[in-house]
N, C-alpha and C. Protein backbone atom coordinates (compact mmCIF):
# COMPACT_ATOMS: atom_id res chain seq x y z
N MET A 1 -4.51 -19.77 1.41
CA MET A 1 -3.90 -18.45 2.21
C MET A 1 -4.36 -17.61 1.16
N ASN A 2 -3.84 -17.66 0.17
CA ASN A 2 -3.65 -16.88 -0.82
C ASN A 2 -4.78 -16.28 -1.87
N ARG A 3 -5.11 -17.13 -1.60
CA ARG A 3 -7.04 -16.62 -1.84
C ARG A 3 -7.87 -16.07 -0.94
N PHE A 4 -7.61 -16.09 0.57
CA PHE A 4 -8.29 -15.29 1.61
C PHE A 4 -7.56 -13.49 0.75
N LEU A 5 -6.09 -13.27 0.91
CA LEU A 5 -5.49 -11.91 0.52
C LEU A 5 -6.41 -11.98 -0.67
N ASP A 6 -6.28 -12.07 -1.19
CA ASP A 6 -7.08 -11.84 -2.69
C ASP A 6 -7.89 -11.08 -2.52
N GLY A 7 -9.04 -11.90 -1.52
CA GLY A 7 -10.30 -11.21 -1.44
C GLY A 7 -10.11 -10.43 -0.39
N TYR A 8 -9.34 -10.62 0.47
CA TYR A 8 -8.78 -8.81 1.98
C TYR A 8 -8.50 -7.50 0.45
N CYS A 9 -7.42 -7.90 -0.07
CA CYS A 9 -7.55 -6.85 -0.87
C CYS A 9 -8.82 -6.38 -1.70
N ARG A 10 -9.39 -7.23 -2.24
CA ARG A 10 -9.79 -6.58 -3.47
C ARG A 10 -11.46 -5.90 -2.75
N VAL A 11 -12.15 -6.02 -1.42
CA VAL A 11 -12.28 -4.93 -0.46
C VAL A 11 -11.50 -3.92 -0.03
N LEU A 12 -10.38 -3.92 -0.07
CA LEU A 12 -9.73 -3.15 0.70
C LEU A 12 -9.97 -2.12 -0.77
N ASP A 13 -9.29 -2.72 -2.04
CA ASP A 13 -9.71 -1.92 -3.32
C ASP A 13 -11.07 -1.24 -3.16
N ALA A 14 -11.87 -1.90 -2.97
CA ALA A 14 -13.17 -1.57 -3.28
C ALA A 14 -13.52 0.18 -2.50
N LEU A 15 -12.69 -0.61 -0.70
CA LEU A 15 -12.89 0.68 -0.22
C LEU A 15 -12.44 1.73 0.01
N ILE A 16 -11.56 1.63 -0.61
CA ILE A 16 -10.54 2.89 -1.40
C ILE A 16 -11.51 3.66 -2.68
N ALA A 17 -11.93 3.26 -3.55
CA ALA A 17 -12.79 3.71 -4.56
C ALA A 17 -13.66 4.28 -3.86
N LEU A 18 -14.40 3.79 -2.96
CA LEU A 18 -15.46 4.07 -1.84
C LEU A 18 -15.22 5.56 -1.58
N ALA A 19 -14.13 5.41 -0.43
CA ALA A 19 -13.81 6.77 -0.11
C ALA A 19 -13.01 7.96 -0.88
N LEU A 20 -12.85 7.68 -1.76
CA LEU A 20 -12.69 8.98 -3.41
C LEU A 20 -13.68 8.90 -3.95
N ALA A 21 -14.30 8.51 -4.13
CA ALA A 21 -15.58 8.49 -4.56
C ALA A 21 -16.42 9.61 -3.26
N ILE A 22 -16.21 9.04 -2.48
CA ILE A 22 -16.88 10.83 -1.41
C ILE A 22 -16.19 11.97 -0.98
N MET A 23 -15.07 11.38 -0.56
CA MET A 23 -14.32 12.74 -1.15
C MET A 23 -14.37 13.82 -2.42
N VAL A 24 -14.46 12.91 -3.38
CA VAL A 24 -14.46 13.95 -4.45
C VAL A 24 -15.69 14.24 -4.76
N VAL A 25 -17.60 13.24 -3.84
CA VAL A 25 -19.03 14.32 -4.21
C VAL A 25 -18.20 15.42 -3.23
N LEU A 26 -17.96 15.67 -2.15
CA LEU A 26 -17.76 16.25 -0.99
C LEU A 26 -17.01 17.77 -1.01
N VAL A 27 -15.70 17.12 -1.94
CA VAL A 27 -15.06 17.99 -1.88
C VAL A 27 -15.45 19.76 -3.30
N PHE A 28 -16.00 18.15 -4.57
CA PHE A 28 -16.25 18.62 -5.62
C PHE A 28 -17.87 19.70 -5.40
N GLY A 29 -18.53 18.96 -4.69
CA GLY A 29 -19.79 19.75 -4.38
C GLY A 29 -19.70 20.81 -3.71
N ASN A 30 -18.76 20.34 -2.45
CA ASN A 30 -18.71 22.06 -1.99
C ASN A 30 -18.30 23.30 -2.05
N VAL A 31 -17.38 22.74 -3.70
CA VAL A 31 -17.26 24.74 -4.51
C VAL A 31 -17.63 25.11 -5.20
N VAL A 32 -19.07 23.15 -5.47
CA VAL A 32 -19.70 24.65 -6.48
C VAL A 32 -21.32 25.42 -5.51
N LEU A 33 -21.14 24.00 -4.39
CA LEU A 33 -22.13 24.98 -3.61
C LEU A 33 -21.35 26.42 -3.11
N ARG A 34 -20.07 26.61 -2.45
CA ARG A 34 -19.75 27.63 -2.26
C ARG A 34 -19.86 28.94 -3.15
N TYR A 35 -19.83 28.51 -4.48
CA TYR A 35 -19.32 29.67 -5.55
C TYR A 35 -20.85 29.77 -6.27
N ALA A 36 -21.39 28.75 -5.75
CA ALA A 36 -23.34 28.95 -6.93
C ALA A 36 -24.05 29.44 -5.88
N PHE A 37 -23.87 28.99 -4.69
CA PHE A 37 -24.97 29.22 -3.75
C PHE A 37 -24.38 29.92 -2.53
N ASN A 38 -23.58 30.43 -2.45
CA ASN A 38 -22.89 30.90 -0.84
C ASN A 38 -22.90 30.37 0.27
N SER A 39 -22.97 28.43 -0.08
CA SER A 39 -23.17 28.04 1.32
C SER A 39 -21.91 27.31 0.83
N GLY A 40 -21.99 26.06 2.15
CA GLY A 40 -21.28 24.47 1.83
C GLY A 40 -21.50 23.82 2.42
N ILE A 41 -21.11 22.53 2.15
CA ILE A 41 -21.65 21.11 2.85
C ILE A 41 -19.96 21.09 4.33
N THR A 42 -20.44 21.95 5.52
CA THR A 42 -19.48 21.75 6.95
C THR A 42 -18.67 21.14 6.92
N VAL A 43 -18.99 19.33 6.46
CA VAL A 43 -18.21 18.30 7.19
C VAL A 43 -17.35 17.70 6.10
N SER A 44 -17.48 19.00 4.99
CA SER A 44 -16.31 18.17 3.94
C SER A 44 -14.92 17.97 4.30
N GLU A 45 -14.14 19.23 4.24
CA GLU A 45 -13.02 19.51 4.55
C GLU A 45 -12.44 18.03 5.80
N GLU A 46 -13.38 18.40 6.50
CA GLU A 46 -12.88 17.58 7.60
C GLU A 46 -13.20 15.70 7.39
N VAL A 47 -14.26 15.49 6.78
CA VAL A 47 -14.49 13.96 6.66
C VAL A 47 -13.34 13.42 5.39
N SER A 48 -13.09 14.85 4.40
CA SER A 48 -12.09 14.31 3.31
C SER A 48 -11.22 13.82 3.61
N ARG A 49 -9.97 14.65 4.62
CA ARG A 49 -8.93 14.61 5.17
C ARG A 49 -9.03 12.97 5.60
N TRP A 50 -9.70 12.83 6.88
CA TRP A 50 -10.08 11.65 7.30
C TRP A 50 -9.90 10.87 6.12
N LEU A 51 -10.52 10.43 5.03
CA LEU A 51 -10.62 9.28 4.50
C LEU A 51 -9.48 9.09 3.62
N PHE A 52 -8.96 11.10 3.28
CA PHE A 52 -7.39 10.58 2.83
C PHE A 52 -6.45 9.97 2.88
N VAL A 53 -6.37 10.20 4.43
CA VAL A 53 -5.74 9.05 5.54
C VAL A 53 -5.86 8.03 5.13
N TRP A 54 -7.22 7.79 5.58
CA TRP A 54 -7.89 6.17 5.46
C TRP A 54 -7.32 5.55 3.73
N LEU A 55 -8.00 6.23 2.89
CA LEU A 55 -7.12 5.79 2.12
C LEU A 55 -6.00 5.36 1.54
N THR A 56 -5.14 6.05 1.98
CA THR A 56 -3.92 5.94 1.66
C THR A 56 -3.06 4.63 2.52
N PHE A 57 -3.55 5.15 4.23
CA PHE A 57 -3.50 3.58 5.21
C PHE A 57 -3.65 2.68 3.95
N LEU A 58 -4.83 2.28 3.65
CA LEU A 58 -5.81 0.75 2.59
C LEU A 58 -4.52 0.98 1.26
N GLY A 59 -4.38 1.60 0.89
CA GLY A 59 -3.36 1.83 -0.84
C GLY A 59 -2.22 1.22 -0.49
N ALA A 60 -1.08 1.33 1.06
CA ALA A 60 -0.68 0.59 0.97
C ALA A 60 -0.07 -0.56 1.58
N ILE A 61 -1.60 -1.00 2.12
CA ILE A 61 -1.58 -2.09 2.84
C ILE A 61 -1.42 -3.44 1.26
N VAL A 62 -2.47 -2.99 -0.24
CA VAL A 62 -2.29 -3.52 -1.09
C VAL A 62 -1.26 -3.68 -2.11
N ALA A 63 -0.72 -2.34 -1.68
CA ALA A 63 0.85 -2.29 -2.14
C ALA A 63 1.90 -2.91 -1.88
N ILE A 64 1.75 -3.58 -0.59
CA ILE A 64 2.71 -4.38 0.37
C ILE A 64 2.55 -6.29 -0.05
N LYS A 65 0.86 -6.04 0.03
CA LYS A 65 0.89 -7.21 -0.80
C LYS A 65 1.04 -7.89 -2.37
N GLU A 66 1.62 -6.79 -3.29
CA GLU A 66 1.70 -6.54 -4.33
C GLU A 66 3.11 -6.97 -4.71
N HIS A 67 4.03 -6.08 -3.86
CA HIS A 67 4.89 -5.74 -4.20
C HIS A 67 5.38 -4.49 -4.84
N GLY A 68 4.79 -3.97 -4.46
CA GLY A 68 4.47 -2.28 -5.42
C GLY A 68 5.15 -1.13 -5.37
N HIS A 69 5.43 -1.12 -3.88
CA HIS A 69 6.63 -0.45 -3.33
C HIS A 69 7.57 -0.05 -3.97
N LEU A 70 7.97 1.12 -4.67
CA LEU A 70 9.16 1.84 -4.48
C LEU A 70 10.62 1.04 -4.12
N GLY A 71 11.51 1.38 -4.01
CA GLY A 71 12.49 0.59 -4.23
C GLY A 71 14.29 0.79 -4.65
N THR A 72 14.70 0.47 -4.19
CA THR A 72 16.30 0.56 -4.86
C THR A 72 16.99 -0.33 -5.09
N ASP A 73 17.10 -1.35 -6.18
CA ASP A 73 17.93 -2.30 -6.14
C ASP A 73 19.29 -2.41 -6.82
N MET A 74 20.36 -1.77 -6.97
CA MET A 74 21.08 -1.17 -7.04
C MET A 74 21.96 -2.38 -6.72
N LEU A 75 22.58 -2.22 -5.81
CA LEU A 75 23.10 -3.51 -4.98
C LEU A 75 22.68 -4.93 -4.79
N VAL A 76 21.52 -5.46 -4.04
CA VAL A 76 20.63 -6.65 -4.22
C VAL A 76 20.81 -7.42 -5.36
N SER A 77 20.42 -6.66 -7.04
CA SER A 77 20.05 -7.23 -8.46
C SER A 77 21.44 -8.17 -8.44
N ARG A 78 23.42 -6.77 -8.09
CA ARG A 78 24.24 -7.77 -7.64
C ARG A 78 24.76 -9.21 -7.35
N LEU A 79 23.92 -9.26 -6.58
CA LEU A 79 24.24 -10.25 -5.50
C LEU A 79 23.68 -11.18 -6.06
N GLY A 80 24.57 -12.78 -5.34
CA GLY A 80 23.69 -13.99 -6.06
C GLY A 80 22.84 -14.24 -5.75
N LYS A 81 22.18 -16.09 -5.19
CA LYS A 81 20.60 -15.88 -5.17
C LYS A 81 21.15 -16.05 -3.23
N THR A 82 22.01 -16.63 -2.57
CA THR A 82 22.34 -16.24 -1.21
C THR A 82 22.37 -14.65 -1.00
N GLY A 83 22.46 -13.93 -0.99
CA GLY A 83 23.25 -12.70 -0.66
C GLY A 83 21.81 -11.71 -0.92
N LYS A 84 20.95 -12.11 -2.30
CA LYS A 84 19.44 -12.31 -2.35
C LYS A 84 18.56 -11.87 -0.65
N LYS A 85 18.57 -13.64 -0.96
CA LYS A 85 17.86 -13.88 0.17
C LYS A 85 18.02 -13.11 2.22
N VAL A 86 19.29 -13.22 2.03
CA VAL A 86 20.28 -12.69 3.28
C VAL A 86 19.07 -11.06 2.81
N CYS A 87 19.28 -10.41 1.96
CA CYS A 87 19.58 -9.06 2.07
C CYS A 87 17.62 -8.89 2.32
N LEU A 88 17.05 -9.59 1.78
CA LEU A 88 15.52 -9.92 1.89
C LEU A 88 15.00 -10.35 3.33
N VAL A 89 15.54 -11.25 3.27
CA VAL A 89 15.49 -11.53 5.14
C VAL A 89 15.79 -10.08 6.07
N ILE A 90 16.68 -9.21 6.70
CA ILE A 90 16.71 -7.98 6.83
C ILE A 90 15.52 -7.36 6.39
N SER A 91 15.27 -7.41 4.97
CA SER A 91 14.71 -5.80 5.13
C SER A 91 12.91 -6.40 5.37
N GLN A 92 13.31 -7.89 5.11
CA GLN A 92 11.85 -8.02 5.96
C GLN A 92 11.80 -7.77 7.49
N LEU A 93 12.28 -8.14 7.94
CA LEU A 93 13.07 -7.80 9.78
C LEU A 93 12.59 -5.97 10.03
N ALA A 94 13.51 -5.93 9.28
CA ALA A 94 13.27 -3.82 9.40
C ALA A 94 12.18 -3.44 9.12
N MET A 95 11.38 -4.02 7.99
CA MET A 95 9.70 -3.46 8.08
C MET A 95 9.19 -4.06 8.66
N LEU A 96 9.01 -5.20 9.65
CA LEU A 96 8.54 -5.35 10.38
C LEU A 96 8.43 -4.52 11.81
N TYR A 97 9.50 -4.43 12.02
CA TYR A 97 9.99 -3.18 13.28
C TYR A 97 9.51 -1.88 13.07
N VAL A 98 9.36 -1.61 12.37
CA VAL A 98 8.96 -0.08 11.29
C VAL A 98 7.53 -0.09 11.81
N THR A 99 6.77 -1.09 11.50
CA THR A 99 5.68 -1.63 11.85
C THR A 99 5.38 -1.59 12.83
N TRP A 100 5.67 -2.75 13.43
CA TRP A 100 6.14 -2.62 15.36
C TRP A 100 6.36 -1.06 16.61
N LEU A 101 6.70 -0.18 15.45
CA LEU A 101 6.57 1.08 15.91
C LEU A 101 5.51 2.42 15.20
N LEU A 102 5.15 1.99 13.71
CA LEU A 102 3.60 2.30 13.81
C LEU A 102 2.50 2.55 14.72
N PHE A 103 2.53 0.79 14.32
CA PHE A 103 1.10 0.33 15.63
C PHE A 103 1.25 0.79 17.15
N GLN A 104 1.96 0.97 17.54
CA GLN A 104 2.68 1.13 18.71
C GLN A 104 2.28 3.07 19.43
N GLY A 105 2.86 3.14 18.35
CA GLY A 105 2.49 5.10 18.32
C GLY A 105 0.97 5.42 17.75
N SER A 106 0.50 4.54 16.54
CA SER A 106 -1.14 4.71 16.71
C SER A 106 -1.75 4.33 17.68
N LEU A 107 -1.65 3.00 17.93
CA LEU A 107 -2.70 2.63 19.42
C LEU A 107 -2.41 3.88 20.37
N VAL A 108 -1.15 4.37 20.77
CA VAL A 108 -1.27 5.47 21.78
C VAL A 108 -2.31 6.28 21.59
N GLN A 109 -2.44 7.53 19.94
CA GLN A 109 -2.24 8.18 19.30
C GLN A 109 -3.85 8.31 19.64
N ALA A 110 -4.32 6.88 19.20
CA ALA A 110 -5.80 6.61 18.89
C ALA A 110 -6.06 6.60 21.04
N GLN A 111 -5.59 6.50 21.47
CA GLN A 111 -6.49 5.91 22.97
C GLN A 111 -5.27 7.27 24.12
N ILE A 112 -5.07 8.39 23.35
CA ILE A 112 -5.06 9.51 24.21
C ILE A 112 -6.42 10.33 23.49
N ASN A 113 -6.56 9.88 22.21
CA ASN A 113 -7.36 10.85 21.24
C ASN A 113 -8.87 10.27 21.44
N ALA A 114 -9.35 9.67 22.24
CA ALA A 114 -10.57 8.68 21.80
C ALA A 114 -12.25 9.42 22.84
N ASP A 115 -11.47 10.00 23.79
CA ASP A 115 -12.29 11.20 24.10
C ASP A 115 -12.56 12.56 23.66
N VAL A 116 -11.31 13.05 23.08
CA VAL A 116 -11.48 14.03 22.31
C VAL A 116 -12.59 13.63 20.55
N GLN A 117 -13.07 15.04 20.75
CA GLN A 117 -13.83 15.13 19.54
C GLN A 117 -14.19 16.12 18.66
N ALA A 118 -13.92 14.98 17.81
CA ALA A 118 -13.28 16.58 15.90
C ALA A 118 -13.95 17.63 16.41
N PRO A 119 -13.99 19.36 15.76
CA PRO A 119 -14.40 20.30 15.70
C PRO A 119 -16.18 19.98 14.93
N VAL A 120 -15.98 19.62 13.83
CA VAL A 120 -17.30 19.92 13.30
C VAL A 120 -17.47 19.03 13.25
N THR A 121 -17.29 17.85 13.26
CA THR A 121 -18.37 16.09 13.00
C THR A 121 -18.62 15.57 14.43
N GLY A 122 -17.56 16.52 15.53
CA GLY A 122 -17.61 15.45 16.48
C GLY A 122 -18.07 14.37 16.95
N ALA A 123 -17.40 13.20 15.45
CA ALA A 123 -16.79 12.32 16.11
C ALA A 123 -15.40 12.33 16.63
N SER A 124 -14.74 10.67 17.22
CA SER A 124 -13.59 10.86 18.10
C SER A 124 -12.71 10.87 17.06
N VAL A 125 -11.25 11.94 17.74
CA VAL A 125 -10.60 11.94 16.73
C VAL A 125 -9.21 10.44 16.95
N ALA A 126 -9.85 9.68 17.20
CA ALA A 126 -9.14 8.29 17.94
C ALA A 126 -9.05 7.77 16.23
N ILE A 127 -11.04 8.08 15.55
CA ILE A 127 -11.07 7.74 14.23
C ILE A 127 -9.88 7.40 13.30
N PHE A 128 -9.35 9.01 13.29
CA PHE A 128 -7.85 9.58 12.34
C PHE A 128 -7.04 8.60 13.00
N TYR A 129 -6.45 8.47 13.69
CA TYR A 129 -4.72 7.09 14.25
C TYR A 129 -5.59 5.92 14.11
N ALA A 130 -6.55 5.17 14.50
CA ALA A 130 -7.08 3.92 14.12
C ALA A 130 -7.02 3.48 12.16
N SER A 131 -6.13 4.40 11.56
CA SER A 131 -5.82 4.21 10.46
C SER A 131 -4.34 3.25 10.33
N GLY A 132 -3.98 4.22 11.22
CA GLY A 132 -2.58 3.48 11.84
C GLY A 132 -2.18 2.39 12.41
N VAL A 133 -2.87 2.21 13.05
CA VAL A 133 -3.42 0.56 13.56
C VAL A 133 -3.30 -0.77 12.14
N PHE A 134 -4.67 -0.27 11.82
CA PHE A 134 -5.17 -1.48 10.92
C PHE A 134 -3.78 -1.55 9.85
N PHE A 135 -3.09 -0.71 9.20
CA PHE A 135 -1.90 -0.50 9.19
C PHE A 135 -1.47 -1.53 9.06
N ALA A 136 -0.34 -1.19 10.37
CA ALA A 136 0.56 -1.55 11.41
C ALA A 136 -0.32 -3.25 11.15
N VAL A 137 -1.48 -3.96 11.97
CA VAL A 137 -1.75 -5.04 12.04
C VAL A 137 -2.07 -5.91 10.39
N SER A 138 -2.71 -4.95 9.06
CA SER A 138 -2.65 -5.75 8.14
C SER A 138 -0.88 -5.91 7.27
N ALA A 139 -0.20 -4.75 7.39
CA ALA A 139 0.69 -4.78 6.98
C ALA A 139 2.30 -5.89 7.62
N ALA A 140 1.78 -6.34 9.16
CA ALA A 140 2.47 -6.92 10.06
C ALA A 140 2.46 -8.49 9.18
N LEU A 141 0.80 -9.05 9.07
CA LEU A 141 0.65 -10.22 8.68
C LEU A 141 1.34 -10.52 7.25
N LEU A 142 1.18 -9.79 6.38
CA LEU A 142 2.03 -9.66 5.14
C LEU A 142 3.19 -9.58 5.04
N LEU A 143 3.72 -8.62 6.22
CA LEU A 143 5.60 -9.55 6.41
C LEU A 143 5.57 -10.32 6.74
N LEU A 144 4.86 -10.78 7.63
CA LEU A 144 4.90 -12.25 8.01
C LEU A 144 5.17 -12.91 7.32
N ARG A 145 4.36 -13.39 6.49
CA ARG A 145 4.26 -14.18 5.75
C ARG A 145 5.16 -14.38 4.42
N ASP A 146 5.02 -13.47 4.68
CA ASP A 146 6.50 -13.25 3.41
C ASP A 146 7.67 -13.87 4.25
N LEU A 147 7.79 -13.07 5.14
CA LEU A 147 8.84 -13.82 5.47
C LEU A 147 9.23 -15.59 6.12
N ILE A 148 8.39 -15.49 6.10
CA ILE A 148 7.77 -17.14 6.68
C ILE A 148 8.45 -18.19 5.42
N ARG A 149 7.69 -17.57 4.00
CA ARG A 149 7.39 -17.99 2.85
C ARG A 149 9.34 -17.89 3.05
N THR A 150 9.86 -16.58 2.19
CA THR A 150 12.04 -16.90 2.53
C THR A 150 12.41 -17.11 3.52
N LEU A 151 11.99 -17.69 4.44
CA LEU A 151 13.22 -18.76 6.01
C LEU A 151 13.11 -19.82 4.86
N THR A 152 11.60 -20.61 4.48
CA THR A 152 11.82 -21.86 4.34
C THR A 152 11.96 -22.23 2.96
N GLY A 153 12.33 -21.37 1.82
CA GLY A 153 12.19 -21.69 0.62
C GLY A 153 11.26 -21.52 -0.15
N LYS A 154 9.99 -21.14 -0.45
CA LYS A 154 9.36 -20.60 -1.42
C LYS A 154 8.95 -19.73 -1.44
N VAL A 155 10.13 -18.55 -1.55
CA VAL A 155 9.98 -17.88 -2.67
C VAL A 155 10.71 -17.82 -3.63
N ARG A 156 9.70 -17.77 -4.86
CA ARG A 156 11.33 -18.05 -6.06
C ARG A 156 12.34 -17.06 -6.34
N ASP A 157 13.23 -17.57 -7.29
CA ASP A 157 14.20 -16.63 -7.74
C ASP A 157 14.25 -15.07 -7.94
N GLU A 158 13.04 -14.74 -8.68
CA GLU A 158 12.02 -13.69 -9.30
C GLU A 158 11.38 -12.75 -7.89
N GLU A 159 11.37 -13.29 -7.17
CA GLU A 159 10.43 -12.49 -5.78
C GLU A 159 11.83 -12.38 -5.24
N LEU A 160 13.30 -12.48 -5.41
CA LEU A 160 14.52 -12.21 -4.23
C LEU A 160 15.00 -10.79 -4.33
N VAL A 161 14.26 -10.92 -5.19
CA VAL A 161 13.98 -8.64 -4.69
C VAL A 161 12.56 -8.54 -5.02
N MET A 162 12.30 -7.86 -4.08
CA MET A 162 10.94 -7.14 -4.13
C MET A 162 10.58 -5.68 -3.69
N VAL A 163 11.71 -5.08 -4.79
CA VAL A 163 10.73 -2.98 -4.61
C VAL A 163 10.90 -3.39 -6.10
N GLN A 164 10.40 -1.74 -7.25
CA GLN A 164 10.06 -1.88 -8.20
C GLN A 164 11.26 -0.46 -8.06
N GLU A 165 12.02 -0.78 -8.80
CA GLU A 165 12.99 0.47 -9.19
C GLU A 165 12.25 1.73 -10.03
N SER A 166 11.34 1.35 -10.75
CA SER A 166 10.55 2.55 -11.48
C SER A 166 8.68 2.42 -11.77
N GLU A 167 8.55 3.37 -11.27
CA GLU A 167 6.70 2.72 -11.86
C GLU A 167 6.26 2.31 -13.07
N ASP A 168 7.35 3.70 -13.88
CA ASP A 168 6.84 3.41 -15.45
C ASP A 168 8.02 2.47 -16.13
N LEU A 169 8.87 1.77 -15.52
CA LEU A 169 9.84 0.21 -15.53
C LEU A 169 8.76 -1.03 -15.59
N ALA A 170 8.38 -1.36 -14.57
CA ALA A 170 7.40 -1.83 -13.51
C ALA A 170 5.66 -1.62 -14.63
N ALA A 171 5.37 -0.97 -15.13
CA ALA A 171 4.29 -0.33 -16.13
C ALA A 171 4.81 -1.09 -17.09
N LEU A 172 5.79 -0.63 -17.48
CA LEU A 172 6.06 -1.08 -18.70
C LEU A 172 6.57 -3.00 -19.10
N HIS A 173 7.03 -3.33 -18.18
CA HIS A 173 7.04 -4.54 -17.96
C HIS A 173 5.81 -5.60 -18.10
N ASP A 174 4.61 -4.66 -17.06
CA ASP A 174 3.94 -5.83 -16.99
C ASP A 174 2.85 -5.99 -18.26
N LEU A 175 3.49 -4.92 -19.66
CA LEU A 175 2.60 -4.98 -20.55
C LEU A 175 3.08 -5.20 -21.37
N HIS A 176 4.43 -5.93 -21.29
CA HIS A 176 5.34 -6.47 -21.76
C HIS A 176 5.64 -8.06 -21.39
N LEU A 177 4.77 -8.58 -20.49
CA LEU A 177 5.14 -10.08 -20.16
C LEU A 177 5.28 -11.17 -20.53
N ASP A 178 3.36 -11.49 -21.07
CA ASP A 178 3.25 -12.32 -21.54
C ASP A 178 3.92 -12.41 -23.41
N GLU A 179 4.28 -11.24 -23.36
CA GLU A 179 4.02 -11.22 -25.46
C GLU A 179 5.61 -11.26 -25.35
N PRO A 180 5.26 -11.83 -27.52
CA PRO A 180 7.29 -12.08 -27.58
C PRO A 180 7.66 -10.28 -27.49
N MET A 181 9.02 -10.21 -27.79
CA MET A 181 9.31 -8.66 -28.34
C MET A 181 9.77 -8.74 -28.97
N LYS A 182 9.84 -8.14 -29.84
CA LYS A 182 10.84 -7.99 -31.18
C LYS A 182 12.34 -7.46 -31.28
N LEU A 183 12.87 -7.83 -31.44
CA LEU A 183 14.26 -7.43 -31.99
C LEU A 183 14.43 -7.49 -32.80
N ASP A 184 14.25 -6.33 -34.02
CA ASP A 184 15.17 -6.18 -35.77
C ASP A 184 13.96 -7.62 -36.18
N GLY A 185 13.19 -7.06 -35.66
CA GLY A 185 11.58 -7.64 -36.67
C GLY A 185 11.64 -8.94 -37.11
N GLN A 186 12.72 -10.08 -35.69
CA GLN A 186 12.50 -10.81 -35.07
C GLN A 186 11.58 -11.50 -33.61
N PRO A 187 10.73 -12.19 -33.89
CA PRO A 187 10.51 -12.04 -31.97
C PRO A 187 10.64 -12.87 -31.14
N THR A 188 11.18 -12.81 -30.10
CA THR A 188 11.67 -13.12 -28.87
C THR A 188 11.31 -13.32 -27.81
N ARG A 189 11.67 -13.84 -27.25
CA ARG A 189 11.13 -13.88 -25.75
C ARG A 189 11.65 -13.30 -24.31
N PRO A 190 11.05 -12.10 -23.66
CA PRO A 190 11.99 -11.74 -22.96
C PRO A 190 12.81 -12.53 -22.13
N ALA A 191 13.33 -11.56 -21.86
CA ALA A 191 15.07 -12.26 -20.77
C ALA A 191 14.41 -14.05 -19.40
N ALA A 192 13.39 -13.32 -19.32
CA ALA A 192 13.02 -14.15 -18.64
C ALA A 192 12.55 -15.36 -18.37
N GLN A 193 11.87 -15.95 -20.14
CA GLN A 193 11.25 -16.14 -20.81
C GLN A 193 12.42 -17.58 -21.28
N ARG A 194 13.62 -17.07 -21.65
CA ARG A 194 14.34 -17.79 -22.07
C ARG A 194 15.60 -18.83 -22.04
């Protein structure tokens, strides 16, 4: 299952990179054409906006898999193992509920706008709302997997707090995870490895 999820997220990463590249070409090309040749790419703004929405939702799926979303652990980090598990289950259930709401709303909007054509491209506006449906289905599967792992006791102790307090601290932690730290010139191991 982990191998499938890793492959799935690699595909999403590639799609994110492709969407970003297309956005850069469209927006930059449109600016150059507008100022240098007094013309432009007609679909640039509309397609770029849609790609940005899809890019955001695809990135959020990858962040859910990697537990990369920011949060606060001020209370949870002070609890014992059982308290952390209870809070984790409650938060996973809450996220599943919100994901269900997002799925319902996005699906209804996609159905309502299925016959509506975008003004420039003429494509169905449902493509815009389909990003929410795609995100909700993918996120729900990842959250259900995490919930099952939590309820069956397969979650390691360090995974009981599944948020990152700060992007900077997470990046610093990743840099020093496998390296011995030096304290007063003496090499030591990080606290988690002592």
